[in-house]
Amino acid sequence: MLKHIRTILYATDLSNTSAYAFRYAACLSKALDARLHILHAVEPMSEEARMTLTAFITDPTAREDALRRRMETARRLLDERQETFWAQMTPEEMVLRDQVDEIEVIEGFAAEAILRRAESLPADMILMGSHAHGISHTFLGTVAKRVLRRARVPTLIVPYATD
């Protein structure tokens, strides 16, 4: 017998096309009566970026504030995307919002962060979107491949909508 899917981890890159994959995540969670956990991973700053930050912001407290604001900005963008998404829903579709259990922003490399969070929740399924083309396709393609290769739970990759 297959394991019942109780928790879906939806990983978003906050791209303009991510709403399409989120709709799948919300509808699937409703159909399965599963909780939906939304995750965005903010990549750690490179060593070069940290050195530049140190060179231009010499006060350690101000540097820490700048790093904290980075996470806050990602959280604000995620919240704004969520509000925009829900504002477009019909009253009947608004029941999907009840499936959302938590919205989380963490620092880490995307694939590793997704896999760690899937294990710690624990998630019964991972859902994420892919892009149609361009540089983002290469990056997200790499993230999706890494997650697919190492995930211990079913993983659904939603292709970019062309219509």
C-alpha atoms as a PDB file:
ATOM      1  CA  MET A   1       0.000   0.000   0.000  1.00  0.00           C
ATOM      2  CA  LEU A   2       1.230   3.502  -0.805  1.00  0.00           C
ATOM      3  CA  LYS A   3       1.999   5.930   1.969  1.00  0.00           C
ATOM      4  CA  HIS A   4      -0.697   8.575   2.454  1.00  0.00           C
ATOM      5  CA  ILE A   5       0.502  12.048   1.466  1.00  0.00           C
ATOM      6  CA  ARG A   6      -0.146  14.302   4.453  1.00  0.00           C
ATOM      7  CA  THR A   7       2.426  17.059   3.867  1.00  0.00           C
ATOM      8  CA  ILE A   8       3.549  18.588   0.570  1.00  0.00           C
ATOM      9  CA  LEU A   9       6.671  20.745   0.472  1.00  0.00           C
ATOM     10  CA  TYR A  10       6.316  23.359  -2.278  1.00  0.00           C
ATOM     11  CA  ALA A  11       9.702  24.899  -3.107  1.00  0.00           C
ATOM     12  CA  THR A  12       9.556  28.232  -4.915  1.00  0.00           C
ATOM     13  CA  ASP A  13      12.241  30.328  -6.566  1.00  0.00           C
ATOM     14  CA  LEU A  14       9.927  33.391  -6.537  1.00  0.00           C
ATOM     15  CA  SER A  15      10.152  33.709 -10.322  1.00  0.00           C
ATOM     16  CA  ASN A  16       7.296  35.251 -12.266  1.00  0.00           C
ATOM     17  CA  THR A  17       6.262  31.787 -13.424  1.00  0.00           C
ATOM     18  CA  SER A  18       6.163  30.219  -9.963  1.00  0.00           C
ATOM     19  CA  ALA A  19       2.443  30.949  -9.484  1.00  0.00           C
ATOM     20  CA  TYR A  20       1.646  28.251 -12.044  1.00  0.00           C
ATOM     21  CA  ALA A  21       3.430  25.580 -10.000  1.00  0.00           C
ATOM     22  CA  PHE A  22       1.925  26.951  -6.798  1.00  0.00           C
ATOM     23  CA  ARG A  23      -1.575  26.484  -8.213  1.00  0.00           C
ATOM     24  CA  TYR A  24      -0.722  22.807  -8.736  1.00  0.00           C
ATOM     25  CA  ALA A  25       0.606  22.560  -5.195  1.00  0.00           C
ATOM     26  CA  ALA A  26      -2.502  24.166  -3.696  1.00  0.00           C
ATOM     27  CA  CYS A  27      -4.934  22.078  -5.753  1.00  0.00           C
ATOM     28  CA  LEU A  28      -3.041  18.846  -5.132  1.00  0.00           C
ATOM     29  CA  SER A  29      -2.896  19.496  -1.401  1.00  0.00           C
ATOM     30  CA  LYS A  30      -6.667  20.052  -1.383  1.00  0.00           C
ATOM     31  CA  ALA A  31      -7.341  16.911  -3.433  1.00  0.00           C
ATOM     32  CA  LEU A  32      -5.162  14.833  -1.094  1.00  0.00           C
ATOM     33  CA  ASP A  33      -6.277  16.666   2.054  1.00  0.00           C
ATOM     34  CA  ALA A  34      -2.593  17.352   2.725  1.00  0.00           C
ATOM     35  CA  ARG A  35      -0.949  20.267   4.491  1.00  0.00           C
ATOM     36  CA  LEU A  36       1.094  22.578   2.257  1.00  0.00           C
ATOM     37  CA  HIS A  37       4.450  23.912   3.415  1.00  0.00           C
ATOM     38  CA  ILE A  38       5.902  26.703   1.246  1.00  0.00           C
ATOM     39  CA  LEU A  39       9.685  27.119   1.158  1.00  0.00           C
ATOM     40  CA  HIS A  40      12.051  29.592  -0.465  1.00  0.00           C
ATOM     41  CA  ALA A  41      15.815  29.207  -0.072  1.00  0.00           C
ATOM     42  CA  VAL A  42      18.026  32.291  -0.211  1.00  0.00           C
ATOM     43  CA  GLU A  43      21.459  31.321  -1.480  1.00  0.00           C
ATOM     44  CA  PRO A  44      24.310  32.184   0.902  1.00  0.00           C
ATOM     45  CA  MET A  45      26.477  35.093  -0.139  1.00  0.00           C
ATOM     46  CA  SER A  46      29.664  34.119  -1.944  1.00  0.00           C
ATOM     47  CA  GLU A  47      32.989  34.770  -0.246  1.00  0.00           C
ATOM     48  CA  GLU A  48      33.657  37.543  -2.773  1.00  0.00           C
ATOM     49  CA  ALA A  49      30.332  39.223  -1.971  1.00  0.00           C
ATOM     50  CA  ARG A  50      31.083  38.984   1.762  1.00  0.00           C
ATOM     51  CA  MET A  51      34.513  40.587   1.228  1.00  0.00           C
ATOM     52  CA  THR A  52      32.902  43.402  -0.761  1.00  0.00           C
ATOM     53  CA  LEU A  53      30.324  43.903   1.973  1.00  0.00           C
ATOM     54  CA  THR A  54      33.096  44.032   4.580  1.00  0.00           C
ATOM     55  CA  ALA A  55      35.051  46.561   2.502  1.00  0.00           C
ATOM     56  CA  PHE A  56      32.112  48.933   2.135  1.00  0.00           C
ATOM     57  CA  ILE A  57      30.345  48.403   5.460  1.00  0.00           C
ATOM     58  CA  THR A  58      33.016  48.437   8.138  1.00  0.00           C
ATOM     59  CA  ASP A  59      30.690  48.447  11.142  1.00  0.00           C
ATOM     60  CA  PRO A  60      29.978  44.787  12.108  1.00  0.00           C
ATOM     61  CA  THR A  61      26.489  45.639  13.389  1.00  0.00           C
ATOM     62  CA  ALA A  62      25.596  47.398  10.128  1.00  0.00           C
ATOM     63  CA  ARG A  63      26.930  44.382   8.195  1.00  0.00           C
ATOM     64  CA  GLU A  64      24.735  42.014  10.184  1.00  0.00           C
ATOM     65  CA  ASP A  65      21.761  44.323   9.563  1.00  0.00           C
ATOM     66  CA  ALA A  66      22.443  44.190   5.816  1.00  0.00           C
ATOM     67  CA  LEU A  67      22.521  40.383   5.889  1.00  0.00           C
ATOM     68  CA  ARG A  68      19.309  40.268   7.952  1.00  0.00           C
ATOM     69  CA  ARG A  69      17.583  42.661   5.522  1.00  0.00           C
ATOM     70  CA  ARG A  70      18.459  40.271   2.703  1.00  0.00           C
ATOM     71  CA  MET A  71      16.362  37.564   4.335  1.00  0.00           C
ATOM     72  CA  GLU A  72      13.596  40.038   5.206  1.00  0.00           C
ATOM     73  CA  THR A  73      13.443  41.203   1.585  1.00  0.00           C
ATOM     74  CA  ALA A  74      13.040  37.615   0.380  1.00  0.00           C
ATOM     75  CA  ARG A  75      10.293  37.035   2.959  1.00  0.00           C
ATOM     76  CA  ARG A  76       8.495  40.228   1.935  1.00  0.00           C
ATOM     77  CA  LEU A  77       8.657  39.226  -1.742  1.00  0.00           C
ATOM     78  CA  LEU A  78       7.305  35.767  -0.917  1.00  0.00           C
ATOM     79  CA  ASP A  79       4.454  37.296   1.094  1.00  0.00           C
ATOM     80  CA  GLU A  80       3.661  39.729  -1.750  1.00  0.00           C
ATOM     81  CA  ARG A  81       3.607  36.894  -4.304  1.00  0.00           C
ATOM     82  CA  GLN A  82       1.265  34.939  -2.044  1.00  0.00           C
ATOM     83  CA  GLU A  83      -1.114  37.881  -1.650  1.00  0.00           C
ATOM     84  CA  THR A  84      -1.119  38.512  -5.414  1.00  0.00           C
ATOM     85  CA  PHE A  85      -1.851  34.837  -6.035  1.00  0.00           C
ATOM     86  CA  TRP A  86      -4.735  34.692  -3.553  1.00  0.00           C
ATOM     87  CA  ALA A  87      -6.195  37.995  -4.782  1.00  0.00           C
ATOM     88  CA  GLN A  88      -6.736  36.369  -8.196  1.00  0.00           C
ATOM     89  CA  MET A  89      -8.691  33.439  -6.783  1.00  0.00           C
ATOM     90  CA  THR A  90     -12.439  33.117  -6.950  1.00  0.00           C
ATOM     91  CA  PRO A  91     -14.319  32.831  -3.645  1.00  0.00           C
ATOM     92  CA  GLU A  92     -14.715  29.096  -4.300  1.00  0.00           C
ATOM     93  CA  GLU A  93     -10.952  28.699  -4.800  1.00  0.00           C
ATOM     94  CA  MET A  94     -10.106  30.568  -1.602  1.00  0.00           C
ATOM     95  CA  VAL A  95     -10.677  27.349   0.367  1.00  0.00           C
ATOM     96  CA  LEU A  96      -7.307  26.249  -1.041  1.00  0.00           C
ATOM     97  CA  ARG A  97      -5.662  28.794   1.254  1.00  0.00           C
ATOM     98  CA  ASP A  98      -6.699  26.677   4.232  1.00  0.00           C
ATOM     99  CA  GLN A  99      -4.252  24.001   3.062  1.00  0.00           C
ATOM    100  CA  VAL A 100      -1.223  26.259   3.647  1.00  0.00           C
ATOM    101  CA  ASP A 101       0.416  25.248   6.894  1.00  0.00           C
ATOM    102  CA  GLU A 102       3.545  27.400   6.873  1.00  0.00           C
ATOM    103  CA  ILE A 103       5.466  29.826   4.669  1.00  0.00           C
ATOM    104  CA  GLU A 104       9.201  29.752   5.292  1.00  0.00           C
ATOM    105  CA  VAL A 105      12.352  31.477   4.017  1.00  0.00           C
ATOM    106  CA  ILE A 106      15.684  29.889   4.888  1.00  0.00           C
ATOM    107  CA  GLU A 107      19.281  30.471   3.891  1.00  0.00           C
ATOM    108  CA  GLY A 108      20.964  27.686   1.973  1.00  0.00           C
ATOM    109  CA  PHE A 109      21.750  26.291  -1.435  1.00  0.00           C
ATOM    110  CA  ALA A 110      18.393  25.482  -3.011  1.00  0.00           C
ATOM    111  CA  ALA A 111      18.605  21.721  -3.582  1.00  0.00           C
ATOM    112  CA  GLU A 112      20.237  20.995  -0.242  1.00  0.00           C
ATOM    113  CA  ALA A 113      17.812  23.276   1.615  1.00  0.00           C
ATOM    114  CA  ILE A 114      14.803  21.629  -0.050  1.00  0.00           C
ATOM    115  CA  LEU A 115      16.040  18.128   0.761  1.00  0.00           C
ATOM    116  CA  ARG A 116      16.892  19.002   4.375  1.00  0.00           C
ATOM    117  CA  ARG A 117      13.500  20.620   4.939  1.00  0.00           C
ATOM    118  CA  ALA A 118      11.665  17.735   3.280  1.00  0.00           C
ATOM    119  CA  GLU A 119      13.325  15.377   5.727  1.00  0.00           C
ATOM    120  CA  SER A 120      12.835  17.540   8.821  1.00  0.00           C
ATOM    121  CA  LEU A 121       9.123  18.283   8.263  1.00  0.00           C
ATOM    122  CA  PRO A 122       8.764  15.380   7.279  1.00  0.00           C
ATOM    123  CA  ALA A 123       7.276  15.944   3.821  1.00  0.00           C
ATOM    124  CA  ASP A 124       5.543  13.133   1.974  1.00  0.00           C
ATOM    125  CA  MET A 125       5.981  14.861  -1.400  1.00  0.00           C
ATOM    126  CA  ILE A 126       8.070  17.674  -2.896  1.00  0.00           C
ATOM    127  CA  LEU A 127       6.620  19.909  -5.605  1.00  0.00           C
ATOM    128  CA  MET A 128       8.517  22.549  -7.546  1.00  0.00           C
ATOM    129  CA  GLY A 129       8.305  24.315 -10.890  1.00  0.00           C
ATOM    130  CA  SER A 130      10.640  24.456 -13.849  1.00  0.00           C
ATOM    131  CA  HIS A 131      11.345  27.230 -16.312  1.00  0.00           C
ATOM    132  CA  ALA A 132      10.853  27.323 -20.059  1.00  0.00           C
ATOM    133  CA  HIS A 133      14.201  28.697 -21.181  1.00  0.00           C
ATOM    134  CA  GLY A 134      17.160  30.939 -20.554  1.00  0.00           C
ATOM    135  CA  ILE A 135      19.694  31.083 -17.737  1.00  0.00           C
ATOM    136  CA  SER A 136      17.007  30.354 -15.158  1.00  0.00           C
ATOM    137  CA  HIS A 137      16.325  27.053 -16.926  1.00  0.00           C
ATOM    138  CA  THR A 138      19.917  25.963 -16.441  1.00  0.00           C
ATOM    139  CA  PHE A 139      19.897  26.915 -12.756  1.00  0.00           C
ATOM    140  CA  LEU A 140      16.508  25.489 -11.875  1.00  0.00           C
ATOM    141  CA  GLY A 141      17.179  22.498 -14.067  1.00  0.00           C
ATOM    142  CA  THR A 142      20.220  21.804 -11.922  1.00  0.00           C
ATOM    143  CA  VAL A 143      18.238  22.255  -8.705  1.00  0.00           C
ATOM    144  CA  ALA A 144      15.417  20.047  -9.963  1.00  0.00           C
ATOM    145  CA  LYS A 145      17.867  17.337 -11.057  1.00  0.00           C
ATOM    146  CA  ARG A 146      19.624  17.360  -7.703  1.00  0.00           C
ATOM    147  CA  VAL A 147      16.348  17.176  -5.812  1.00  0.00           C
ATOM    148  CA  LEU A 148      15.006  14.400  -8.053  1.00  0.00           C
ATOM    149  CA  ARG A 149      18.215  12.405  -7.730  1.00  0.00           C
ATOM    150  CA  ARG A 150      18.414  12.600  -3.939  1.00  0.00           C
ATOM    151  CA  ALA A 151      14.811  12.919  -2.738  1.00  0.00           C
ATOM    152  CA  ARG A 152      13.459  10.094  -0.633  1.00  0.00           C
ATOM    153  CA  VAL A 153       9.841  11.036  -1.308  1.00  0.00           C
ATOM    154  CA  PRO A 154       7.844  11.422  -4.539  1.00  0.00           C
ATOM    155  CA  THR A 155       8.821  14.644  -6.297  1.00  0.00           C
ATOM    156  CA  LEU A 156       6.688  16.470  -8.843  1.00  0.00           C
ATOM    157  CA  ILE A 157       8.244  18.978 -11.252  1.00  0.00           C
ATOM    158  CA  VAL A 158       5.607  21.229 -12.830  1.00  0.00           C
ATOM    159  CA  PRO A 159       6.680  22.464 -16.274  1.00  0.00           C
ATOM    160  CA  TYR A 160       6.373  26.119 -17.142  1.00  0.00           C
ATOM    161  CA  ALA A 161       2.998  27.000 -18.675  1.00  0.00           C
ATOM    162  CA  THR A 162       3.307  28.046 -22.313  1.00  0.00           C
ATOM    163  CA  ASP A 163      -0.226  29.448 -22.684  1.00  0.00           C
END
